Each structure stands twice: as C-alpha cells, then as structure tokens.
Amino acid sequence: MSIPILRDLTPVGRMVVIGTLLVSLLSILMEWVLGFHGTPVFLVSAAGILGLAYVVGISTERLGGLAGPQVGGILNATFGNIAELIIAFFALSAGQLAVVKASITGSIIGNLLLVLGASLLLGGLRHGTQKFSAKIASMDATMLVLAVIGLFVPAMFALSTVAGPKGHRIEESVLVSIILLVLYFVNLAYRFRHPEQVLGGQEPEGHAGPAWAPKVAIAVLGGAAALLAVLSEQLVGAIDPFIEQFDLTPFFVGVILIPTIGNLSEHLVAVQLSLKDRVDFTMAVSMGSSLQVALFVAPVLVLLGLVVNQPMDLVFAPLEVAAVAAAAGIAALVSLDGESNWLEGALLLGVYTILGVSFFYLA
C-alpha cells in the first residue's frame, strides 16, 4: 500500500488495511505456494475477507461522499453486499447450491435479527428509549415484506404441488428474479427522486470515508474487489473440509458464517450508529441491506447460475421460509411506533439464537 492511501486513514484504519493486505497475501501463499488446503485456508481466507469488506466499505463511502447524497446512496446500495455476492458466486460456480441459498436466508435474518437486535440492545442500554422516523422505517419494512413475498413464491409453489419438473422451477425462478430486479431499480429510482423521504434527506455524521482523491478511492475499491474474488474462491474451495472437520451442516455455514464473514464491517457500522443515538440510520442499514439481498443479490445469483451452468431455483427449505417470514414480520412490527428500547433488541437476538440453533441441527 502506498503512503497516500495510508496517511488519510485513522491509526486504527491503517492497522486494519495493512493487516488485511498481509492476511490476504498469506492466504494466497498458503494455497498456491505452501500447498495448504482445507480448514487452515478457510480460516485465513475468512479473516482476509473480513478486512477486505471493511476496505470496500470505506472506499465506497468516500466515493459516495464525493458524488453527493443521492449518487452516494446508490453506490452504498450497490456495493453494500459485494463481498457476500462474490463469495456466493464462487459457491454457485462450485455447485454449492445449499450454501448459496442458505447465505441468502442468513443475510436477511442476520440483518433483521442479529444486527438490528444488537444495535437496539446496546443503543437502548446507553440511551434508554430511542426514537426514529416511523414513516420511513415503515416504508422500508413494507418494501421488505413485499420483496420477501416475491422471493419465496417459488418455494410456496414447490411445496403446494406434487414434485413438478425441476425445469419449471428454474423457469419460474428466473421470471421472479427478473421482476425482483425491476422492483430493485424502481426502488432506487424512487429514492433518487425523493431523497427527503429517505432519512429526511440527512446523512450519517462521521461516515464519509477517508479523504482520498477519487482515483485513489476507485483504485482501492478495485484492488479490494480483486482480492475478494481470489480469497472467496479459496474460501469456497475449503468449505467441504471445514464442514467435515467441525461436523457442521451446509445450512449452518451458509446461514450463519458466510453472511457474517461478508457483512461484519457493515454490521458494526449499524451498531455504532445506534450507540450514537442515530437509530434512523441503524434501521436503514439493517433493512436496506436485507432489501438488497432479496431484490438484487438473490435474483442476480439465479441469473448467473444460468451463465455458469449451475441452474439455481428459489425453492428454499421450509425452515428458511419460516425464518425469513418471521424476521421480516418482526422488523415490521418494531418499526410501527417509531420507538425502540433494549428489550426489543434482546428479543430480536433471542429469536436469532433460536433460529441459529435450529439451523445447526438441520441436516
């Protein structure tokens, strides 16, 4: 890393970026030079991806700050789940369809239960009852519920019919995916034209990224994305040995581990905002990320499956359908009154723990 990139970062930021680069290079050396495989590569690659997700986040924030709130919002929405999308793509290419579907489920429930729950719990303990815009949060929650309904229509179709041809499931999933993508871009267009209805036209304080020049921010984003692709391929290649060594299931890895690895930095931002008593932004981060997964990430993966000759449908396991429906419903209920407290956060975390235990034992 050159000095201009590091000098505009905080001391902690410098340590994270340097550490991320070193861990990423170590992961590549372990597999391609030293001949390590399996669990060691999985763990080191995961550590590198955690740091790279942070680097992608700060570079995107910088570009968003330079472009203004409207374009910045689109950039944040586009790159918010880029790490998870890259991991899921390589898992899809490797035929790990159960892991891919589980990661979609895990990302949605993780944002709505784990991230929102931890944010409301810690923010409530520090500030007591916290207030946010019920109108804006309800709009996001309504959009999320509608997106989840569309996302899981193929699963409902499969459960209500007698073992229809798999080809029909693929065709239906492709059509649903196209519709969901249209809704995603319609949602972005609405927010672009009505910024006053998105967090009242405000911007989160202290989250504009480092003072990089546009070329530097673009270069950092491109470099981080390239390293993400390499480490994601290594991570996916080590999933099976990792699962066998720790006696886990693909569902658990996809629902719990993959979303955490890809989105941890974004999750920490939501908690920090709640601790600063800016719950409006916490709600936007948690619900917005879930919306992006339901309307953008999942449909894109279905369409990419056709390209890489790994057709994927949207027929999820019954527990996955129930988990996402419950998470979306609870998030909608929490947003109704425009107030939150630490008890609501604790309850959300409790539901997430129950679901996590269930997925741990789901074969």
Protein backbone atom coordinates (compact mmCIF):
# COMPACT_ATOMS: atom_id res chain seq x y z
CA MET A 1 0.00 0.00 0.00
CA SER A 2 1.34 3.45 -0.90
CA ILE A 3 1.73 6.22 1.65
CA PRO A 4 -1.05 8.44 0.15
CA ILE A 5 -3.56 5.67 0.82
CA LEU A 6 -2.50 5.19 4.43
CA ARG A 7 -1.91 8.77 5.51
CA ASP A 8 -5.59 9.74 5.21
CA LEU A 9 -6.69 6.89 7.46
CA THR A 10 -7.03 6.86 11.22
CA PRO A 11 -4.38 4.87 13.15
CA VAL A 12 -6.89 2.03 13.56
CA GLY A 13 -7.76 2.23 9.88
CA ARG A 14 -4.08 1.97 8.92
CA MET A 15 -3.67 -1.11 11.08
CA VAL A 16 -6.76 -2.73 9.57
CA VAL A 17 -5.72 -2.03 5.97
CA ILE A 18 -2.12 -3.20 6.47
CA GLY A 19 -3.27 -6.26 8.42
CA THR A 20 -5.85 -7.08 5.74
CA LEU A 21 -3.23 -6.92 2.99
CA LEU A 22 -0.83 -9.15 4.93
CA VAL A 23 -3.52 -11.72 5.78
CA SER A 24 -4.75 -11.76 2.18
CA LEU A 25 -1.25 -12.38 0.86
CA LEU A 26 -0.71 -15.06 3.49
CA SER A 27 -3.89 -16.82 2.40
CA ILE A 28 -2.77 -16.82 -1.23
CA LEU A 29 0.71 -18.07 -0.31
CA MET A 30 -0.73 -20.85 1.87
CA GLU A 31 -2.67 -22.36 -1.02
CA TRP A 32 -0.56 -21.56 -4.06
CA VAL A 33 2.98 -21.74 -2.66
CA LEU A 34 2.96 -23.70 0.60
CA GLY A 35 0.32 -26.19 -0.51
CA PHE A 36 -2.07 -25.80 2.45
CA HIS A 37 -5.69 -26.80 1.90
CA GLY A 38 -8.90 -27.24 3.87
CA THR A 39 -9.63 -25.62 7.23
CA PRO A 40 -6.43 -23.50 7.57
CA VAL A 41 -7.10 -21.88 4.20
CA PHE A 42 -10.79 -21.39 5.09
CA LEU A 43 -9.94 -19.60 8.35
CA VAL A 44 -7.21 -17.35 6.95
CA SER A 45 -9.26 -16.52 3.83
CA ALA A 46 -12.23 -15.66 6.04
CA ALA A 47 -10.07 -13.30 8.09
CA GLY A 48 -8.85 -11.62 4.92
CA ILE A 49 -12.39 -11.25 3.57
CA LEU A 50 -13.49 -9.62 6.83
CA GLY A 51 -10.85 -6.93 6.38
CA LEU A 52 -11.49 -6.54 2.65
CA ALA A 53 -15.20 -5.98 3.33
CA TYR A 54 -14.14 -3.08 5.58
CA VAL A 55 -11.87 -1.66 2.85
CA VAL A 56 -14.67 -1.89 0.27
CA GLY A 57 -16.96 -0.12 2.73
CA ILE A 58 -14.70 2.87 3.40
CA SER A 59 -13.79 3.33 -0.27
CA THR A 60 -17.47 3.21 -1.22
CA GLU A 61 -18.28 5.74 1.49
CA ARG A 62 -15.60 8.05 0.13
CA LEU A 63 -16.90 7.81 -3.42
CA GLY A 64 -20.42 8.37 -2.10
CA GLY A 65 -19.27 11.46 -0.19
CA LEU A 66 -17.65 12.86 -3.33
CA ALA A 67 -20.68 12.13 -5.52
CA GLY A 68 -23.30 13.57 -3.15
CA PRO A 69 -26.09 12.01 -1.10
CA GLN A 70 -28.21 10.75 -3.99
CA VAL A 71 -25.47 9.03 -6.02
CA GLY A 72 -23.79 8.06 -2.77
CA GLY A 73 -26.89 6.24 -1.66
CA ILE A 74 -26.94 4.26 -4.89
CA LEU A 75 -23.24 3.41 -4.54
CA ASN A 76 -23.74 2.21 -0.98
CA ALA A 77 -26.74 0.14 -2.05
CA THR A 78 -24.81 -1.35 -4.99
CA PHE A 79 -21.63 -2.26 -3.10
CA GLY A 80 -23.16 -2.89 0.33
CA ASN A 81 -23.16 -6.67 -0.14
CA ILE A 82 -20.43 -7.03 -2.75
CA ALA A 83 -18.30 -9.30 -0.56
CA GLU A 84 -21.18 -11.67 0.09
CA LEU A 85 -22.19 -11.62 -3.58
CA ILE A 86 -18.66 -12.58 -4.67
CA ILE A 87 -18.49 -15.43 -2.13
CA ALA A 88 -21.93 -16.67 -3.19
CA PHE A 89 -20.96 -16.53 -6.87
CA PHE A 90 -17.95 -18.80 -6.36
CA ALA A 91 -20.04 -21.12 -4.20
CA LEU A 92 -22.60 -21.22 -7.01
CA SER A 93 -19.89 -21.96 -9.58
CA ALA A 94 -18.68 -24.82 -7.38
CA GLY A 95 -22.17 -26.31 -7.20
CA GLN A 96 -22.65 -25.43 -3.50
CA LEU A 97 -26.31 -24.54 -4.07
CA ALA A 98 -27.37 -25.32 -0.48
CA VAL A 99 -24.72 -22.92 0.83
CA VAL A 100 -25.77 -20.20 -1.63
CA LYS A 101 -29.45 -20.41 -0.72
CA ALA A 102 -28.64 -20.56 2.98
CA SER A 103 -26.44 -17.46 2.66
CA ILE A 104 -29.38 -15.57 1.17
CA THR A 105 -31.56 -16.62 4.10
CA GLY A 106 -28.80 -15.91 6.61
CA SER A 107 -28.10 -12.43 5.29
CA ILE A 108 -31.75 -11.41 5.56
CA ILE A 109 -32.36 -12.78 9.05
CA GLY A 110 -28.89 -11.71 10.20
CA ASN A 111 -29.56 -8.08 9.32
CA LEU A 112 -33.09 -8.03 10.70
CA LEU A 113 -32.48 -10.01 13.90
CA LEU A 114 -28.76 -10.04 14.78
CA VAL A 115 -27.69 -6.60 13.56
CA LEU A 116 -30.87 -4.76 14.43
CA GLY A 117 -31.18 -6.65 17.70
CA ALA A 118 -27.60 -5.89 18.82
CA SER A 119 -27.99 -2.26 17.76
CA LEU A 120 -31.25 -1.72 19.65
CA LEU A 121 -29.97 -3.58 22.70
CA LEU A 122 -26.72 -1.61 23.04
CA GLY A 123 -28.27 1.68 21.98
CA GLY A 124 -31.15 1.19 24.39
CA LEU A 125 -28.85 0.37 27.29
CA ARG A 126 -26.93 3.60 26.65
CA HIS A 127 -29.75 5.99 25.76
CA GLY A 128 -32.96 4.39 27.04
CA THR A 129 -35.89 4.71 24.66
CA GLN A 130 -34.68 5.75 21.22
CA LYS A 131 -36.85 7.41 18.59
CA PHE A 132 -36.75 7.17 14.82
CA SER A 133 -38.96 8.05 11.88
CA ALA A 134 -41.80 5.53 11.93
CA LYS A 135 -42.89 6.65 8.46
CA ILE A 136 -39.54 6.00 6.81
CA ALA A 137 -38.87 2.76 8.70
CA SER A 138 -42.38 1.51 7.90
CA MET A 139 -41.83 2.23 4.21
CA ASP A 140 -38.64 0.14 4.27
CA ALA A 141 -40.37 -2.61 6.26
CA THR A 142 -43.32 -2.72 3.87
CA MET A 143 -40.98 -2.91 0.88
CA LEU A 144 -39.07 -5.69 2.61
CA VAL A 145 -42.19 -7.75 3.34
CA LEU A 146 -43.32 -7.40 -0.28
CA ALA A 147 -39.84 -8.39 -1.51
CA VAL A 148 -39.78 -11.45 0.74
CA ILE A 149 -43.21 -12.50 -0.54
CA GLY A 150 -41.93 -12.33 -4.11
CA LEU A 151 -38.68 -14.08 -3.24
CA PHE A 152 -40.41 -17.07 -1.66
CA VAL A 153 -43.27 -17.53 -4.12
CA PRO A 154 -41.33 -20.31 -5.93
CA ALA A 155 -40.87 -22.12 -2.61
CA MET A 156 -44.59 -21.92 -1.92
CA PHE A 157 -45.28 -23.18 -5.44
CA ALA A 158 -42.98 -26.17 -4.92
CA LEU A 159 -44.50 -27.01 -1.53
CA SER A 160 -48.04 -26.88 -2.87
CA THR A 161 -47.51 -29.05 -5.95
CA VAL A 162 -46.67 -32.70 -6.37
CA ALA A 163 -43.00 -32.92 -7.37
CA GLY A 164 -43.27 -30.95 -10.58
CA PRO A 165 -40.44 -30.92 -13.11
CA LYS A 166 -37.35 -29.08 -11.87
CA GLY A 167 -37.20 -27.21 -15.16
CA HIS A 168 -40.45 -25.46 -14.33
CA ARG A 169 -38.99 -24.35 -11.01
CA ILE A 170 -35.98 -22.86 -12.79
CA GLU A 171 -38.17 -21.07 -15.31
CA GLU A 172 -40.41 -19.66 -12.60
CA SER A 173 -37.42 -18.59 -10.51
CA VAL A 174 -35.86 -16.79 -13.48
CA LEU A 175 -39.08 -14.89 -14.17
CA VAL A 176 -39.48 -13.99 -10.49
CA SER A 177 -35.84 -12.87 -10.38
CA ILE A 178 -36.35 -10.52 -13.32
CA ILE A 179 -39.39 -9.00 -11.62
CA LEU A 180 -37.47 -8.58 -8.34
CA LEU A 181 -34.64 -6.82 -10.18
CA VAL A 182 -37.13 -4.45 -11.78
CA LEU A 183 -38.53 -3.70 -8.32
CA TYR A 184 -34.99 -3.10 -7.05
CA PHE A 185 -34.26 -0.47 -9.68
CA VAL A 186 -37.71 1.08 -9.24
CA ASN A 187 -36.91 1.34 -5.52
CA LEU A 188 -33.57 3.02 -6.30
CA ALA A 189 -35.24 5.42 -8.74
CA TYR A 190 -37.85 6.41 -6.15
CA ARG A 191 -35.19 7.07 -3.52
CA PHE A 192 -33.11 9.03 -6.00
CA ARG A 193 -36.04 11.28 -6.88
CA HIS A 194 -37.33 11.63 -3.30
CA PRO A 195 -34.26 11.92 -1.04
CA GLU A 196 -36.29 13.88 1.50
CA GLN A 197 -38.25 10.71 2.22
CA VAL A 198 -35.09 8.72 2.92
CA LEU A 199 -33.89 9.62 6.40
CA GLY A 200 -35.34 13.09 5.95
CA GLY A 201 -32.64 13.91 3.42
CA GLN A 202 -29.93 13.68 6.11
CA GLU A 203 -26.60 11.92 6.00
CA PRO A 204 -24.95 9.95 8.79
CA GLU A 205 -22.31 12.02 10.53
CA GLY A 206 -18.74 10.78 10.57
CA HIS A 207 -19.22 8.18 7.85
CA ALA A 208 -17.88 9.84 4.69
CA GLY A 209 -14.77 7.69 4.50
CA PRO A 210 -11.11 8.80 4.33
CA ALA A 211 -10.10 11.94 2.43
CA TRP A 212 -8.91 10.09 -0.67
CA ALA A 213 -8.90 11.55 -4.16
CA PRO A 214 -11.46 9.94 -6.49
CA LYS A 215 -8.76 7.99 -8.38
CA VAL A 216 -7.35 6.64 -5.12
CA ALA A 217 -10.78 5.57 -3.86
CA ILE A 218 -11.56 3.83 -7.18
CA ALA A 219 -8.15 2.09 -7.16
CA VAL A 220 -8.63 0.89 -3.58
CA LEU A 221 -12.13 -0.36 -4.39
CA GLY A 222 -10.90 -2.21 -7.48
CA GLY A 223 -7.94 -3.76 -5.67
CA ALA A 224 -10.09 -4.87 -2.75
CA ALA A 225 -12.66 -6.40 -5.11
CA ALA A 226 -9.93 -8.31 -6.96
CA LEU A 227 -8.51 -9.71 -3.71
CA LEU A 228 -12.05 -10.56 -2.61
CA ALA A 229 -12.50 -12.65 -5.74
CA VAL A 230 -9.29 -14.61 -5.11
CA LEU A 231 -9.94 -15.20 -1.41
CA SER A 232 -13.60 -16.04 -1.99
CA GLU A 233 -12.62 -18.77 -4.46
CA GLN A 234 -10.20 -20.19 -1.88
CA LEU A 235 -12.81 -19.98 0.88
CA VAL A 236 -15.39 -21.84 -1.19
CA GLY A 237 -12.87 -24.50 -2.14
CA ALA A 238 -12.23 -25.16 1.55
CA ILE A 239 -15.88 -25.28 2.66
CA ASP A 240 -16.31 -29.07 2.46
CA PRO A 241 -13.19 -29.92 4.52
CA PHE A 242 -14.16 -27.23 7.04
CA ILE A 243 -17.68 -28.66 7.36
CA GLU A 244 -16.34 -32.19 7.81
CA GLN A 245 -13.72 -31.24 10.40
CA PHE A 246 -16.16 -29.33 12.64
CA ASP A 247 -19.16 -31.59 11.91
CA LEU A 248 -21.29 -28.70 10.64
CA THR A 249 -24.02 -28.61 8.01
CA PRO A 250 -24.06 -26.58 4.78
CA PHE A 251 -27.17 -24.83 6.11
CA PHE A 252 -25.37 -23.61 9.23
CA VAL A 253 -22.30 -22.45 7.29
CA GLY A 254 -24.47 -20.63 4.77
CA VAL A 255 -26.92 -19.10 7.24
CA ILE A 256 -24.50 -18.06 9.99
CA LEU A 257 -20.87 -17.98 8.82
CA ILE A 258 -20.98 -16.70 5.23
CA PRO A 259 -23.17 -13.62 5.94
CA THR A 260 -21.07 -12.77 9.00
CA ILE A 261 -17.82 -13.01 7.04
CA GLY A 262 -19.13 -10.88 4.17
CA ASN A 263 -21.00 -8.21 6.13
CA LEU A 264 -19.31 -7.82 9.52
CA SER A 265 -17.97 -4.31 8.86
CA GLU A 266 -21.41 -3.11 7.75
CA HIS A 267 -22.93 -4.71 10.85
CA LEU A 268 -20.50 -2.85 13.11
CA VAL A 269 -21.44 0.46 11.46
CA ALA A 270 -25.11 -0.13 12.33
CA VAL A 271 -24.23 -0.79 15.98
CA GLN A 272 -22.00 2.31 16.14
CA LEU A 273 -24.79 4.48 14.75
CA SER A 274 -27.22 3.19 17.37
CA LEU A 275 -24.69 3.91 20.12
CA LYS A 276 -24.61 7.49 18.79
CA ASP A 277 -28.42 7.58 19.12
CA ARG A 278 -28.91 7.67 15.34
CA VAL A 279 -31.39 4.82 15.11
CA ASP A 280 -32.85 6.11 11.83
CA PHE A 281 -29.61 5.14 10.13
CA THR A 282 -29.39 1.86 12.00
CA MET A 283 -32.85 0.91 10.71
CA ALA A 284 -31.83 2.00 7.21
CA VAL A 285 -28.63 -0.10 7.26
CA SER A 286 -30.29 -3.27 8.57
CA MET A 287 -33.45 -3.11 6.47
CA GLY A 288 -31.68 -1.67 3.43
CA SER A 289 -29.13 -4.47 3.36
CA SER A 290 -31.89 -7.08 3.66
CA LEU A 291 -33.78 -5.38 0.85
CA GLN A 292 -30.72 -5.50 -1.36
CA VAL A 293 -30.27 -9.22 -0.74
CA ALA A 294 -33.92 -10.01 -1.51
CA LEU A 295 -34.27 -7.72 -4.54
CA PHE A 296 -30.77 -7.76 -6.03
CA VAL A 297 -28.35 -10.41 -4.73
CA ALA A 298 -30.71 -13.40 -4.89
CA PRO A 299 -32.08 -12.60 -8.40
CA VAL A 300 -28.58 -11.93 -9.75
CA LEU A 301 -27.37 -15.28 -8.43
CA VAL A 302 -30.28 -17.07 -10.12
CA LEU A 303 -29.42 -15.44 -13.46
CA LEU A 304 -25.68 -16.07 -13.00
CA GLY A 305 -26.49 -19.72 -12.37
CA LEU A 306 -27.63 -19.98 -15.98
CA VAL A 307 -24.38 -18.42 -17.19
CA VAL A 308 -22.09 -20.80 -15.23
CA ASN A 309 -24.28 -23.83 -15.98
CA GLN A 310 -25.38 -24.25 -12.36
CA PRO A 311 -29.13 -23.58 -12.57
CA MET A 312 -30.45 -22.41 -9.20
CA ASP A 313 -34.08 -22.06 -8.26
CA LEU A 314 -35.62 -20.09 -5.40
CA VAL A 315 -37.13 -23.14 -3.72
CA PHE A 316 -35.95 -22.77 -0.12
CA ALA A 317 -36.32 -25.23 2.75
CA PRO A 318 -39.48 -24.77 4.88
CA LEU A 319 -37.41 -23.63 7.89
CA GLU A 320 -35.70 -20.99 5.73
CA VAL A 321 -39.06 -19.71 4.52
CA ALA A 322 -40.41 -19.57 8.06
CA ALA A 323 -37.26 -17.88 9.39
CA VAL A 324 -37.24 -15.09 6.81
CA ALA A 325 -41.00 -14.54 7.11
CA ALA A 326 -40.68 -14.27 10.90
CA ALA A 327 -37.71 -11.89 10.68
CA ALA A 328 -39.44 -9.59 8.19
CA GLY A 329 -42.64 -9.60 10.24
CA ILE A 330 -40.84 -8.79 13.50
CA ALA A 331 -38.85 -5.99 11.88
CA ALA A 332 -42.07 -4.51 10.53
CA LEU A 333 -43.66 -4.63 13.98
CA VAL A 334 -40.65 -2.97 15.62
CA SER A 335 -40.85 -0.09 13.13
CA LEU A 336 -44.54 0.68 13.68
CA ASP A 337 -44.34 3.04 16.69
CA GLY A 338 -41.14 4.92 15.87
CA GLU A 339 -39.57 3.95 19.19
CA SER A 340 -37.16 1.23 20.31
CA ASN A 341 -35.67 0.02 23.58
CA TRP A 342 -33.14 -2.52 24.78
CA LEU A 343 -35.84 -5.13 25.47
CA GLU A 344 -36.86 -5.21 21.81
CA GLY A 345 -33.22 -5.69 20.88
CA ALA A 346 -32.84 -8.56 23.35
CA LEU A 347 -35.96 -10.24 21.96
CA LEU A 348 -34.65 -9.99 18.39
CA LEU A 349 -31.35 -11.55 19.47
CA GLY A 350 -33.25 -14.31 21.24
CA VAL A 351 -35.17 -15.18 18.07
CA TYR A 352 -31.93 -15.18 16.07
CA THR A 353 -30.33 -17.56 18.58
CA ILE A 354 -33.30 -19.94 18.38
CA LEU A 355 -33.09 -19.97 14.59
CA GLY A 356 -29.32 -20.44 14.71
CA VAL A 357 -29.67 -23.50 16.93
CA SER A 358 -32.32 -24.90 14.58
CA PHE A 359 -30.10 -24.42 11.53
CA PHE A 360 -27.17 -26.01 13.38
CA TYR A 361 -29.13 -29.27 13.64
CA LEU A 362 -30.85 -29.04 10.24
CA ALA A 363 -29.32 -31.72 8.02
